[in-house]
Amino acid sequence: EYAPEAKASGLVHPSGMRIHLIYNGVTAEEGNVLLDAPIKRPG
């Protein structure tokens, strides 16, 4: 599940849980834009 063309890396835990890291983010000055910014956007 490693797809460099999609900038995605699938990770798996021994329990079977999976996450995909989407590595195309840019650093935001306000931190996590969904939780740290004063305006609470959906997501």
PDB file of all heavy atoms in Angstrom:
ATOM      1  N   GLU A   1       0.817  -1.216   0.000  1.00  0.00           N
ATOM      2  CA  GLU A   1       0.000   0.000   0.000  1.00  0.00           C
ATOM      3  C   GLU A   1       0.853   1.269   0.000  1.00  0.00           C
ATOM      4  O   GLU A   1       0.441   2.302   0.508  1.00  0.00           O
ATOM      5  CB  GLU A   1      -0.955  -0.012   1.194  1.00  0.00           C
ATOM      6  CG  GLU A   1      -1.974  -1.119   1.086  1.00  0.00           C
ATOM      7  CD  GLU A   1      -3.125  -0.952   2.052  1.00  0.00           C
ATOM      8  OE1 GLU A   1      -3.359   0.166   2.542  1.00  0.00           O
ATOM      9  OE2 GLU A   1      -3.793  -1.959   2.307  1.00  0.00           O
ATOM     10  N   TYR A   2       2.041   1.183  -0.548  1.00  0.00           N
ATOM     11  CA  TYR A   2       2.891   2.352  -0.702  1.00  0.00           C
ATOM     12  C   TYR A   2       2.736   2.829  -2.135  1.00  0.00           C
ATOM     13  O   TYR A   2       3.014   2.094  -3.076  1.00  0.00           O
ATOM     14  CB  TYR A   2       4.347   2.011  -0.391  1.00  0.00           C
ATOM     15  CG  TYR A   2       5.299   3.152  -0.600  1.00  0.00           C
ATOM     16  CD1 TYR A   2       5.157   4.335   0.116  1.00  0.00           C
ATOM     17  CD2 TYR A   2       6.327   3.059  -1.517  1.00  0.00           C
ATOM     18  CE1 TYR A   2       6.025   5.390  -0.072  1.00  0.00           C
ATOM     19  CE2 TYR A   2       7.209   4.112  -1.716  1.00  0.00           C
ATOM     20  CZ  TYR A   2       7.051   5.272  -0.996  1.00  0.00           C
ATOM     21  OH  TYR A   2       7.912   6.326  -1.191  1.00  0.00           O
ATOM     22  N   ALA A   3       2.229   4.053  -2.308  1.00  0.00           N
ATOM     23  CA  ALA A   3       1.934   4.583  -3.642  1.00  0.00           C
ATOM     24  C   ALA A   3       2.548   5.969  -3.803  1.00  0.00           C
ATOM     25  O   ALA A   3       1.877   6.977  -3.607  1.00  0.00           O
ATOM     26  CB  ALA A   3       0.420   4.627  -3.863  1.00  0.00           C
ATOM     27  N   PRO A   4       3.849   6.036  -4.127  1.00  0.00           N
ATOM     28  CA  PRO A   4       4.492   7.349  -4.245  1.00  0.00           C
ATOM     29  C   PRO A   4       3.834   8.258  -5.279  1.00  0.00           C
ATOM     30  O   PRO A   4       3.809   9.472  -5.100  1.00  0.00           O
ATOM     31  CB  PRO A   4       5.932   7.022  -4.638  1.00  0.00           C
ATOM     32  CG  PRO A   4       6.044   5.563  -4.749  1.00  0.00           C
ATOM     33  CD  PRO A   4       4.746   4.935  -4.385  1.00  0.00           C
ATOM     34  N   GLU A   5       3.260   7.683  -6.341  1.00  0.00           N
ATOM     35  CA  GLU A   5       2.604   8.518  -7.352  1.00  0.00           C
ATOM     36  C   GLU A   5       1.380   9.236  -6.776  1.00  0.00           C
ATOM     37  O   GLU A   5       1.008  10.308  -7.241  1.00  0.00           O
ATOM     38  CB  GLU A   5       2.197   7.682  -8.585  1.00  0.00           C
ATOM     39  CG  GLU A   5       1.104   6.654  -8.346  1.00  0.00           C
ATOM     40  CD  GLU A   5       1.532   5.381  -7.622  1.00  0.00           C
ATOM     41  OE1 GLU A   5       2.735   5.197  -7.349  1.00  0.00           O
ATOM     42  OE2 GLU A   5       0.642   4.566  -7.320  1.00  0.00           O
ATOM     43  N   ALA A   6       0.785   8.672  -5.733  1.00  0.00           N
ATOM     44  CA  ALA A   6      -0.365   9.293  -5.073  1.00  0.00           C
ATOM     45  C   ALA A   6       0.041  10.002  -3.779  1.00  0.00           C
ATOM     46  O   ALA A   6      -0.806  10.535  -3.078  1.00  0.00           O
ATOM     47  CB  ALA A   6      -1.422   8.236  -4.765  1.00  0.00           C
ATOM     48  N   LYS A   7       1.344   9.989  -3.472  1.00  0.00           N
ATOM     49  CA  LYS A   7       1.860  10.556  -2.220  1.00  0.00           C
ATOM     50  C   LYS A   7       1.125   9.945  -1.026  1.00  0.00           C
ATOM     51  O   LYS A   7       0.657  10.656  -0.127  1.00  0.00           O
ATOM     52  CB  LYS A   7       1.764  12.071  -2.220  1.00  0.00           C
ATOM     53  CG  LYS A   7       2.608  12.719  -3.282  1.00  0.00           C
ATOM     54  CD  LYS A   7       3.457  13.798  -2.683  1.00  0.00           C
ATOM     55  CE  LYS A   7       4.335  14.426  -3.732  1.00  0.00           C
ATOM     56  NZ  LYS A   7       5.714  14.253  -3.455  1.00  0.00           N
ATOM     57  N   ALA A   8       1.022   8.608  -1.023  1.00  0.00           N
ATOM     58  CA  ALA A   8       0.326   7.893   0.052  1.00  0.00           C
ATOM     59  C   ALA A   8       1.141   6.688   0.482  1.00  0.00           C
ATOM     60  O   ALA A   8       1.724   5.992  -0.349  1.00  0.00           O
ATOM     61  CB  ALA A   8      -1.059   7.446  -0.419  1.00  0.00           C
ATOM     62  N   SER A   9       1.162   6.475   1.785  1.00  0.00           N
ATOM     63  CA  SER A   9       1.838   5.315   2.346  1.00  0.00           C
ATOM     64  C   SER A   9       0.899   4.636   3.328  1.00  0.00           C
ATOM     65  O   SER A   9       0.483   5.239   4.322  1.00  0.00           O
ATOM     66  CB  SER A   9       3.132   5.748   3.061  1.00  0.00           C
ATOM     67  OG  SER A   9       3.782   4.626   3.627  1.00  0.00           O
ATOM     68  N   GLY A  10       0.550   3.384   3.043  1.00  0.00           N
ATOM     69  CA  GLY A  10      -0.314   2.622   3.936  1.00  0.00           C
ATOM     70  C   GLY A  10       0.497   1.982   5.041  1.00  0.00           C
ATOM     71  O   GLY A  10       1.539   1.371   4.789  1.00  0.00           O
ATOM     72  N   LEU A  11       0.037   2.144   6.259  1.00  0.00           N
ATOM     73  CA  LEU A  11       0.686   1.529   7.413  1.00  0.00           C
ATOM     74  C   LEU A  11      -0.295   0.565   8.058  1.00  0.00           C
ATOM     75  O   LEU A  11      -1.501   0.805   8.073  1.00  0.00           O
ATOM     76  CB  LEU A  11       1.107   2.586   8.447  1.00  0.00           C
ATOM     77  CG  LEU A  11       1.939   3.772   7.966  1.00  0.00           C
ATOM     78  CD1 LEU A  11       2.292   4.675   9.138  1.00  0.00           C
ATOM     79  CD2 LEU A  11       3.188   3.324   7.248  1.00  0.00           C
ATOM     80  N   VAL A  12       0.238  -0.513   8.615  1.00  0.00           N
ATOM     81  CA  VAL A  12      -0.607  -1.499   9.271  1.00  0.00           C
ATOM     82  C   VAL A  12      -0.057  -1.781  10.670  1.00  0.00           C
ATOM     83  O   VAL A  12       1.152  -1.780  10.892  1.00  0.00           O
ATOM     84  CB  VAL A  12      -0.724  -2.792   8.415  1.00  0.00           C
ATOM     85  CG1 VAL A  12       0.617  -3.483   8.265  1.00  0.00           C
ATOM     86  CG2 VAL A  12      -1.774  -3.722   8.975  1.00  0.00           C
ATOM     87  N   HIS A  13      -0.961  -1.971  11.597  1.00  0.00           N
ATOM     88  CA  HIS A  13      -0.655  -2.283  12.996  1.00  0.00           C
ATOM     89  C   HIS A  13      -0.787  -3.797  13.167  1.00  0.00           C
ATOM     90  O   HIS A  13      -1.562  -4.427  12.448  1.00  0.00           O
ATOM     91  CB  HIS A  13      -1.674  -1.544  13.880  1.00  0.00           C
ATOM     92  CG  HIS A  13      -1.394  -1.610  15.328  1.00  0.00           C
ATOM     93  ND1 HIS A  13      -1.863  -2.638  16.123  1.00  0.00           N
ATOM     94  CD2 HIS A  13      -0.694  -0.786  16.145  1.00  0.00           C
ATOM     95  CE1 HIS A  13      -1.473  -2.435  17.362  1.00  0.00           C
ATOM     96  NE2 HIS A  13      -0.760  -1.326  17.395  1.00  0.00           N
ATOM     97  N   PRO A  14      -0.065  -4.411  14.113  1.00  0.00           N
ATOM     98  CA  PRO A  14      -0.213  -5.853  14.321  1.00  0.00           C
ATOM     99  C   PRO A  14      -1.657  -6.298  14.579  1.00  0.00           C
ATOM    100  O   PRO A  14      -2.024  -7.431  14.283  1.00  0.00           O
ATOM    101  CB  PRO A  14       0.672  -6.140  15.530  1.00  0.00           C
ATOM    102  CG  PRO A  14       1.694  -5.059  15.517  1.00  0.00           C
ATOM    103  CD  PRO A  14       0.986  -3.850  14.962  1.00  0.00           C
ATOM    104  N   SER A  15      -2.487  -5.398  15.081  1.00  0.00           N
ATOM    105  CA  SER A  15      -3.895  -5.729  15.342  1.00  0.00           C
ATOM    106  C   SER A  15      -4.724  -5.790  14.057  1.00  0.00           C
ATOM    107  O   SER A  15      -5.861  -6.229  14.085  1.00  0.00           O
ATOM    108  CB  SER A  15      -4.514  -4.688  16.272  1.00  0.00           C
ATOM    109  OG  SER A  15      -4.624  -3.447  15.594  1.00  0.00           O
ATOM    110  N   GLY A  16      -4.148  -5.304  12.950  1.00  0.00           N
ATOM    111  CA  GLY A  16      -4.870  -5.259  11.684  1.00  0.00           C
ATOM    112  C   GLY A  16      -5.384  -3.873  11.335  1.00  0.00           C
ATOM    113  O   GLY A  16      -5.845  -3.650  10.214  1.00  0.00           O
ATOM    114  N   MET A  17      -5.329  -2.922  12.276  1.00  0.00           N
ATOM    115  CA  MET A  17      -5.756  -1.547  11.961  1.00  0.00           C
ATOM    116  C   MET A  17      -4.837  -0.969  10.892  1.00  0.00           C
ATOM    117  O   MET A  17      -3.643  -1.261  10.870  1.00  0.00           O
ATOM    118  CB  MET A  17      -5.663  -0.652  13.201  1.00  0.00           C
ATOM    119  CG  MET A  17      -6.675  -0.925  14.246  1.00  0.00           C
ATOM    120  SD  MET A  17      -6.543   0.282  15.602  1.00  0.00           S
ATOM    121  CE  MET A  17      -4.924  -0.074  16.250  1.00  0.00           C
ATOM    122  N   ARG A  18      -5.416  -0.127  10.047  1.00  0.00           N
ATOM    123  CA  ARG A  18      -4.648   0.494   8.967  1.00  0.00           C
ATOM    124  C   ARG A  18      -4.839   2.013   8.975  1.00  0.00           C
ATOM    125  O   ARG A  18      -5.927   2.501   9.271  1.00  0.00           O
ATOM    126  CB  ARG A  18      -5.089  -0.049   7.610  1.00  0.00           C
ATOM    127  CG  ARG A  18      -4.763  -1.504   7.430  1.00  0.00           C
ATOM    128  CD  ARG A  18      -5.167  -2.015   6.042  1.00  0.00           C
ATOM    129  NE  ARG A  18      -4.633  -3.337   5.856  1.00  0.00           N
ATOM    130  CZ  ARG A  18      -3.383  -3.607   5.474  1.00  0.00           C
ATOM    131  NH1 ARG A  18      -2.562  -2.631   5.200  1.00  0.00           N
ATOM    132  NH2 ARG A  18      -2.959  -4.847   5.348  1.00  0.00           N
ATOM    133  N   ILE A  19      -3.764   2.708   8.644  1.00  0.00           N
ATOM    134  CA  ILE A  19      -3.842   4.141   8.380  1.00  0.00           C
ATOM    135  C   ILE A  19      -3.114   4.391   7.066  1.00  0.00           C
ATOM    136  O   ILE A  19      -2.241   3.618   6.674  1.00  0.00           O
ATOM    137  CB  ILE A  19      -3.249   5.006   9.517  1.00  0.00           C
ATOM    138  CG1 ILE A  19      -1.779   4.699   9.754  1.00  0.00           C
ATOM    139  CG2 ILE A  19      -4.050   4.850  10.796  1.00  0.00           C
ATOM    140  CD1 ILE A  19      -1.110   5.599  10.782  1.00  0.00           C
ATOM    141  N   HIS A  20      -3.494   5.446   6.390  1.00  0.00           N
ATOM    142  CA  HIS A  20      -2.785   5.888   5.190  1.00  0.00           C
ATOM    143  C   HIS A  20      -2.245   7.276   5.478  1.00  0.00           C
ATOM    144  O   HIS A  20      -3.011   8.179   5.853  1.00  0.00           O
ATOM    145  CB  HIS A  20      -3.705   5.941   3.975  1.00  0.00           C
ATOM    146  CG  HIS A  20      -4.015   4.600   3.415  1.00  0.00           C
ATOM    147  ND1 HIS A  20      -4.768   4.436   2.274  1.00  0.00           N
ATOM    148  CD2 HIS A  20      -3.673   3.353   3.815  1.00  0.00           C
ATOM    149  CE1 HIS A  20      -4.874   3.150   2.006  1.00  0.00           C
ATOM    150  NE2 HIS A  20      -4.228   2.473   2.933  1.00  0.00           N
ATOM    151  N   LEU A  21      -0.944   7.434   5.332  1.00  0.00           N
ATOM    152  CA  LEU A  21      -0.330   8.747   5.463  1.00  0.00           C
ATOM    153  C   LEU A  21      -0.327   9.383   4.082  1.00  0.00           C
ATOM    154  O   LEU A  21       0.253   8.841   3.139  1.00  0.00           O
ATOM    155  CB  LEU A  21       1.095   8.627   5.999  1.00  0.00           C
ATOM    156  CG  LEU A  21       1.225   7.989   7.377  1.00  0.00           C
ATOM    157  CD1 LEU A  21       2.699   7.866   7.760  1.00  0.00           C
ATOM    158  CD2 LEU A  21       0.452   8.776   8.427  1.00  0.00           C
ATOM    159  N   ILE A  22      -1.005  10.511   3.972  1.00  0.00           N
ATOM    160  CA  ILE A  22      -1.056  11.274   2.732  1.00  0.00           C
ATOM    161  C   ILE A  22      -0.024  12.387   2.891  1.00  0.00           C
ATOM    162  O   ILE A  22      -0.214  13.316   3.676  1.00  0.00           O
ATOM    163  CB  ILE A  22      -2.464  11.874   2.489  1.00  0.00           C
ATOM    164  CG1 ILE A  22      -3.556  10.826   2.717  1.00  0.00           C
ATOM    165  CG2 ILE A  22      -2.536  12.522   1.111  1.00  0.00           C
ATOM    166  CD1 ILE A  22      -3.444   9.583   1.889  1.00  0.00           C
ATOM    167  N   TYR A  23       1.100  12.275   2.196  1.00  0.00           N
ATOM    168  CA  TYR A  23       2.221  13.176   2.461  1.00  0.00           C
ATOM    169  C   TYR A  23       2.334  14.296   1.429  1.00  0.00           C
ATOM    170  O   TYR A  23       3.325  14.492   0.769  1.00  0.00           O
ATOM    171  CB  TYR A  23       3.540  12.406   2.637  1.00  0.00           C
ATOM    172  CG  TYR A  23       3.944  11.461   1.531  1.00  0.00           C
ATOM    173  CD1 TYR A  23       4.854  11.864   0.549  1.00  0.00           C
ATOM    174  CD2 TYR A  23       3.458  10.173   1.480  1.00  0.00           C
ATOM    175  CE1 TYR A  23       5.247  10.989  -0.455  1.00  0.00           C
ATOM    176  CE2 TYR A  23       3.853   9.292   0.488  1.00  0.00           C
ATOM    177  CZ  TYR A  23       4.750   9.707  -0.470  1.00  0.00           C
ATOM    178  OH  TYR A  23       5.146   8.841  -1.464  1.00  0.00           O
ATOM    179  N   ASN A  24       1.273  15.098   1.372  1.00  0.00           N
ATOM    180  CA  ASN A  24       1.278  16.291   0.521  1.00  0.00           C
ATOM    181  C   ASN A  24       0.869  17.529   1.307  1.00  0.00           C
ATOM    182  O   ASN A  24       0.474  18.529   0.732  1.00  0.00           O
ATOM    183  CB  ASN A  24       0.367  16.096  -0.696  1.00  0.00           C
ATOM    184  CG  ASN A  24      -1.091  15.878  -0.308  1.00  0.00           C
ATOM    185  OD1 ASN A  24      -1.445  15.891   0.862  1.00  0.00           O
ATOM    186  ND2 ASN A  24      -1.937  15.674  -1.303  1.00  0.00           N
ATOM    187  N   GLY A  25       0.974  17.465   2.627  1.00  0.00           N
ATOM    188  CA  GLY A  25       0.571  18.587   3.470  1.00  0.00           C
ATOM    189  C   GLY A  25       1.602  19.699   3.493  1.00  0.00           C
ATOM    190  O   GLY A  25       2.784  19.486   3.226  1.00  0.00           O
ATOM    191  N   VAL A  26       1.131  20.886   3.798  1.00  0.00           N
ATOM    192  CA  VAL A  26       2.003  22.034   4.018  1.00  0.00           C
ATOM    193  C   VAL A  26       1.786  22.499   5.456  1.00  0.00           C
ATOM    194  O   VAL A  26       0.687  22.379   6.001  1.00  0.00           O
ATOM    195  CB  VAL A  26       1.723  23.193   3.029  1.00  0.00           C
ATOM    196  CG1 VAL A  26       2.056  22.778   1.611  1.00  0.00           C
ATOM    197  CG2 VAL A  26       0.294  23.660   3.121  1.00  0.00           C
ATOM    198  N   THR A  27       2.827  22.997   6.065  1.00  0.00           N
ATOM    199  CA  THR A  27       2.741  23.453   7.448  1.00  0.00           C
ATOM    200  C   THR A  27       1.852  24.687   7.526  1.00  0.00           C
ATOM    201  O   THR A  27       2.027  25.642   6.772  1.00  0.00           O
ATOM    202  CB  THR A  27       4.140  23.779   7.998  1.00  0.00           C
ATOM    203  OG1 THR A  27       4.942  22.602   7.883  1.00  0.00           O
ATOM    204  CG2 THR A  27       4.071  24.211   9.446  1.00  0.00           C
ATOM    205  N   ALA A  28       0.892  24.660   8.430  1.00  0.00           N
ATOM    206  CA  ALA A  28      -0.015  25.792   8.631  1.00  0.00           C
ATOM    207  C   ALA A  28       0.412  26.544   9.890  1.00  0.00           C
ATOM    208  O   ALA A  28       0.677  25.935  10.915  1.00  0.00           O
ATOM    209  CB  ALA A  28      -1.450  25.300   8.777  1.00  0.00           C
ATOM    210  N   GLU A  29       0.468  27.850   9.797  1.00  0.00           N
ATOM    211  CA  GLU A  29       0.877  28.668  10.940  1.00  0.00           C
ATOM    212  C   GLU A  29      -0.031  28.475  12.143  1.00  0.00           C
ATOM    213  O   GLU A  29       0.416  28.527  13.280  1.00  0.00           O
ATOM    214  CB  GLU A  29       0.907  30.147  10.549  1.00  0.00           C
ATOM    215  CG  GLU A  29       2.039  30.492   9.617  1.00  0.00           C
ATOM    216  CD  GLU A  29       2.064  31.971   9.272  1.00  0.00           C
ATOM    217  OE1 GLU A  29       1.534  32.780  10.048  1.00  0.00           O
ATOM    218  OE2 GLU A  29       2.621  32.300   8.218  1.00  0.00           O
ATOM    219  N   GLU A  30      -1.329  28.245  11.889  1.00  0.00           N
ATOM    220  CA  GLU A  30      -2.270  28.114  12.993  1.00  0.00           C
ATOM    221  C   GLU A  30      -2.335  26.708  13.561  1.00  0.00           C
ATOM    222  O   GLU A  30      -3.149  26.415  14.413  1.00  0.00           O
ATOM    223  CB  GLU A  30      -3.659  28.596  12.594  1.00  0.00           C
ATOM    224  CG  GLU A  30      -4.316  27.813  11.462  1.00  0.00           C
ATOM    225  CD  GLU A  30      -3.986  28.337  10.072  1.00  0.00           C
ATOM    226  OE1 GLU A  30      -4.672  29.220   9.573  1.00  0.00           O
ATOM    227  OE2 GLU A  30      -3.024  27.817   9.482  1.00  0.00           O
ATOM    228  N   GLY A  31      -1.466  25.800  13.094  1.00  0.00           N
ATOM    229  CA  GLY A  31      -1.488  24.430  13.594  1.00  0.00           C
ATOM    230  C   GLY A  31      -2.485  23.598  12.818  1.00  0.00           C
ATOM    231  O   GLY A  31      -2.563  23.673  11.603  1.00  0.00           O
ATOM    232  N   ASN A  32      -3.281  22.821  13.512  1.00  0.00           N
ATOM    233  CA  ASN A  32      -4.307  21.976  12.898  1.00  0.00           C
ATOM    234  C   ASN A  32      -5.481  22.882  12.540  1.00  0.00           C
ATOM    235  O   ASN A  32      -6.176  23.389  13.415  1.00  0.00           O
ATOM    236  CB  ASN A  32      -4.724  20.885  13.889  1.00  0.00           C
ATOM    237  CG  ASN A  32      -5.766  19.951  13.335  1.00  0.00           C
ATOM    238  OD1 ASN A  32      -6.748  20.376  12.749  1.00  0.00           O
ATOM    239  ND2 ASN A  32      -5.563  18.670  13.551  1.00  0.00           N
ATOM    240  N   VAL A  33      -5.722  23.087  11.236  1.00  0.00           N
ATOM    241  CA  VAL A  33      -6.725  24.061  10.806  1.00  0.00           C
ATOM    242  C   VAL A  33      -8.145  23.663  11.195  1.00  0.00           C
ATOM    243  O   VAL A  33      -9.027  24.514  11.259  1.00  0.00           O
ATOM    244  CB  VAL A  33      -6.660  24.351   9.288  1.00  0.00           C
ATOM    245  CG1 VAL A  33      -5.333  25.009   8.925  1.00  0.00           C
ATOM    246  CG2 VAL A  33      -6.883  23.105   8.478  1.00  0.00           C
ATOM    247  N   LEU A  34      -8.397  22.384  11.465  1.00  0.00           N
ATOM    248  CA  LEU A  34      -9.736  21.979  11.890  1.00  0.00           C
ATOM    249  C   LEU A  34      -9.961  22.203  13.375  1.00  0.00           C
ATOM    250  O   LEU A  34     -11.089  22.414  13.802  1.00  0.00           O
ATOM    251  CB  LEU A  34      -9.978  20.503  11.558  1.00  0.00           C
ATOM    252  CG  LEU A  34     -10.072  20.189  10.069  1.00  0.00           C
ATOM    253  CD1 LEU A  34     -10.206  18.698   9.869  1.00  0.00           C
ATOM    254  CD2 LEU A  34     -11.238  20.924   9.428  1.00  0.00           C
ATOM    255  N   LEU A  35      -8.903  22.160  14.168  1.00  0.00           N
ATOM    256  CA  LEU A  35      -9.083  22.261  15.617  1.00  0.00           C
ATOM    257  C   LEU A  35      -8.486  23.519  16.235  1.00  0.00           C
ATOM    258  O   LEU A  35      -8.993  24.005  17.238  1.00  0.00           O
ATOM    259  CB  LEU A  35      -8.476  21.029  16.304  1.00  0.00           C
ATOM    260  CG  LEU A  35      -9.206  19.728  15.994  1.00  0.00           C
ATOM    261  CD1 LEU A  35      -8.428  18.551  16.530  1.00  0.00           C
ATOM    262  CD2 LEU A  35     -10.596  19.756  16.587  1.00  0.00           C
ATOM    263  N   ASP A  36      -7.406  24.029  15.678  1.00  0.00           N
ATOM    264  CA  ASP A  36      -6.694  25.132  16.325  1.00  0.00           C
ATOM    265  C   ASP A  36      -7.096  26.513  15.829  1.00  0.00           C
ATOM    266  O   ASP A  36      -6.864  27.507  16.502  1.00  0.00           O
ATOM    267  CB  ASP A  36      -5.184  24.952  16.138  1.00  0.00           C
ATOM    268  CG  ASP A  36      -4.684  23.645  16.745  1.00  0.00           C
ATOM    269  OD1 ASP A  36      -5.293  23.165  17.713  1.00  0.00           O
ATOM    270  OD2 ASP A  36      -3.696  23.099  16.235  1.00  0.00           O
ATOM    271  N   ALA A  37      -7.672  26.591  14.648  1.00  0.00           N
ATOM    272  CA  ALA A  37      -8.090  27.885  14.104  1.00  0.00           C
ATOM    273  C   ALA A  37      -9.383  28.333  14.779  1.00  0.00           C
ATOM    274  O   ALA A  37     -10.193  27.503  15.201  1.00  0.00           O
ATOM    275  CB  ALA A  37      -8.289  27.780  12.595  1.00  0.00           C
ATOM    276  N   PRO A  38      -9.585  29.644  14.914  1.00  0.00           N
ATOM    277  CA  PRO A  38     -10.781  30.135  15.602  1.00  0.00           C
ATOM    278  C   PRO A  38     -12.092  29.766  14.895  1.00  0.00           C
ATOM    279  O   PRO A  38     -13.104  29.544  15.546  1.00  0.00           O
ATOM    280  CB  PRO A  38     -10.589  31.648  15.656  1.00  0.00           C
ATOM    281  CG  PRO A  38      -9.450  31.969  14.761  1.00  0.00           C
ATOM    282  CD  PRO A  38      -8.686  30.714  14.494  1.00  0.00           C
ATOM    283  N   ILE A  39     -12.078  29.681  13.578  1.00  0.00           N
ATOM    284  CA  ILE A  39     -13.281  29.276  12.848  1.00  0.00           C
ATOM    285  C   ILE A  39     -13.253  27.764  12.713  1.00  0.00           C
ATOM    286  O   ILE A  39     -12.291  27.197  12.184  1.00  0.00           O
ATOM    287  CB  ILE A  39     -13.332  29.950  11.462  1.00  0.00           C
ATOM    288  CG1 ILE A  39     -13.435  31.459  11.620  1.00  0.00           C
ATOM    289  CG2 ILE A  39     -14.498  29.404  10.638  1.00  0.00           C
ATOM    290  CD1 ILE A  39     -13.316  32.229  10.332  1.00  0.00           C
ATOM    291  N   LYS A  40     -14.277  27.095  13.196  1.00  0.00           N
ATOM    292  CA  LYS A  40     -14.328  25.628  13.186  1.00  0.00           C
ATOM    293  C   LYS A  40     -14.971  25.150  11.891  1.00  0.00           C
ATOM    294  O   LYS A  40     -16.172  25.247  11.705  1.00  0.00           O
ATOM    295  CB  LYS A  40     -15.104  25.098  14.402  1.00  0.00           C
ATOM    296  CG  LYS A  40     -14.511  25.539  15.730  1.00  0.00           C
ATOM    297  CD  LYS A  40     -13.062  25.096  15.859  1.00  0.00           C
ATOM    298  CE  LYS A  40     -12.464  25.545  17.172  1.00  0.00           C
ATOM    299  NZ  LYS A  40     -11.031  25.635  17.150  1.00  0.00           N
ATOM    300  N   ARG A  41     -14.155  24.656  10.997  1.00  0.00           N
ATOM    301  CA  ARG A  41     -14.611  24.159   9.709  1.00  0.00           C
ATOM    302  C   ARG A  41     -14.960  22.678   9.815  1.00  0.00           C
ATOM    303  O   ARG A  41     -14.411  21.965  10.642  1.00  0.00           O
ATOM    304  CB  ARG A  41     -13.522  24.364   8.670  1.00  0.00           C
ATOM    305  CG  ARG A  41     -13.110  25.826   8.554  1.00  0.00           C
ATOM    306  CD  ARG A  41     -12.242  26.067   7.345  1.00  0.00           C
ATOM    307  NE  ARG A  41     -11.718  27.423   7.325  1.00  0.00           N
ATOM    308  CZ  ARG A  41     -12.401  28.507   6.998  1.00  0.00           C
ATOM    309  NH1 ARG A  41     -13.656  28.413   6.684  1.00  0.00           N
ATOM    310  NH2 ARG A  41     -11.831  29.689   7.004  1.00  0.00           N
ATOM    311  N   PRO A  42     -15.857  22.191   8.959  1.00  0.00           N
ATOM    312  CA  PRO A  42     -16.178  20.769   8.995  1.00  0.00           C
ATOM    313  C   PRO A  42     -15.003  19.937   8.499  1.00  0.00           C
ATOM    314  O   PRO A  42     -14.191  20.391   7.702  1.00  0.00           O
ATOM    315  CB  PRO A  42     -17.373  20.644   8.042  1.00  0.00           C
ATOM    316  CG  PRO A  42     -17.439  21.904   7.274  1.00  0.00           C
ATOM    317  CD  PRO A  42     -16.651  22.941   7.992  1.00  0.00           C
ATOM    318  N   GLY A  43     -14.924  18.718   8.983  1.00  0.00           N
ATOM    319  CA  GLY A  43     -13.882  17.789   8.571  1.00  0.00           C
ATOM    320  C   GLY A  43     -13.600  16.802   9.679  1.00  0.00           C
ATOM    321  O   GLY A  43     -14.105  16.934  10.792  1.00  0.00           O
TER     322      GLY A  43
END
